[in-house]
Amino acid sequence: ILTIFVGYLGSMVESLGDYAATCAVSGETYKVGHMNKGIFAEGLGSMVAAMFGGLPCTSYTQNIGIIA
């Protein structure tokens, strides 16, 4: 369980950086409430995926380059 938690913790930190970079690129204001909702959505998506035997979801840094 601890190993899985460490993996998810790393994914959460990466996602927060991705959300902040997306805000910077698109000119939006950085809001903590939006970050919390994004992390919650990723967690919910990962939980549903696990119930069906799928892989967890995460944001990808490479996709931010497309926005720029």
Protein backbone atom coordinates (compact mmCIF):
# COMPACT_ATOMS: atom_id res chain seq x y z
CA ILE A 1 0.00 0.00 0.00
CA LEU A 2 2.82 2.42 0.86
CA THR A 3 4.46 1.87 -2.53
CA ILE A 4 1.23 2.66 -4.35
CA PHE A 5 0.76 5.78 -2.21
CA VAL A 6 4.25 7.02 -3.10
CA GLY A 7 3.47 6.51 -6.78
CA TYR A 8 0.22 8.44 -6.52
CA LEU A 9 1.95 11.20 -4.54
CA GLY A 10 4.46 11.65 -7.35
CA SER A 11 1.65 11.72 -9.88
CA MET A 12 -0.22 14.36 -7.86
CA VAL A 13 2.83 16.62 -7.71
CA GLU A 14 3.34 16.24 -11.45
CA SER A 15 -0.32 17.04 -12.10
CA LEU A 16 -0.16 20.19 -9.97
CA GLY A 17 2.82 21.34 -12.01
CA ASP A 18 0.94 20.55 -15.21
CA TYR A 19 -2.10 22.54 -14.08
CA ALA A 20 0.08 25.51 -13.07
CA ALA A 21 1.90 25.42 -16.42
CA THR A 22 -1.41 25.25 -18.28
CA CYS A 23 -2.63 28.32 -16.38
CA ALA A 24 0.58 30.17 -17.22
CA VAL A 25 0.43 29.28 -20.92
CA SER A 26 -3.25 30.11 -21.33
CA GLY A 27 -3.11 33.31 -19.27
CA GLU A 28 -5.60 32.09 -16.66
CA THR A 29 -5.36 32.92 -12.97
CA TYR A 30 -3.84 30.18 -10.82
CA LYS A 31 -6.54 29.09 -8.35
CA VAL A 32 -6.07 26.46 -5.66
CA GLY A 33 -9.73 25.44 -5.87
CA HIS A 34 -9.30 24.48 -9.50
CA MET A 35 -6.21 22.44 -8.65
CA ASN A 36 -8.12 20.57 -5.94
CA LYS A 37 -10.92 19.75 -8.37
CA GLY A 38 -8.42 18.51 -10.95
CA ILE A 39 -6.71 16.21 -8.45
CA PHE A 40 -10.12 14.97 -7.27
CA ALA A 41 -11.16 14.22 -10.86
CA GLU A 42 -7.95 12.28 -11.51
CA GLY A 43 -8.45 10.31 -8.29
CA LEU A 44 -12.06 9.54 -9.15
CA GLY A 45 -11.10 8.49 -12.67
CA SER A 46 -8.35 6.25 -11.33
CA MET A 47 -10.76 4.67 -8.86
CA VAL A 48 -13.32 3.92 -11.57
CA ALA A 49 -10.59 2.56 -13.84
CA ALA A 50 -9.37 0.27 -11.06
CA MET A 51 -12.88 -1.10 -10.54
CA PHE A 52 -12.90 -2.21 -14.18
CA GLY A 53 -9.32 -3.50 -14.12
CA GLY A 54 -7.91 -0.51 -16.00
CA LEU A 55 -4.89 1.68 -15.46
CA PRO A 56 -4.92 4.91 -13.42
CA CYS A 57 -5.21 8.23 -15.22
CA THR A 58 -2.84 11.17 -14.96
CA SER A 59 -2.06 14.39 -16.79
CA TYR A 60 0.81 14.43 -19.26
CA THR A 61 3.29 17.28 -19.41
CA GLN A 62 3.85 16.78 -23.13
CA ASN A 63 0.27 17.83 -23.87
CA ILE A 64 0.84 21.32 -22.44
CA GLY A 65 3.15 22.04 -25.38
CA ILE A 66 0.19 21.63 -27.70
CA ILE A 67 -1.66 24.43 -25.91
CA ALA A 68 1.25 26.84 -26.36
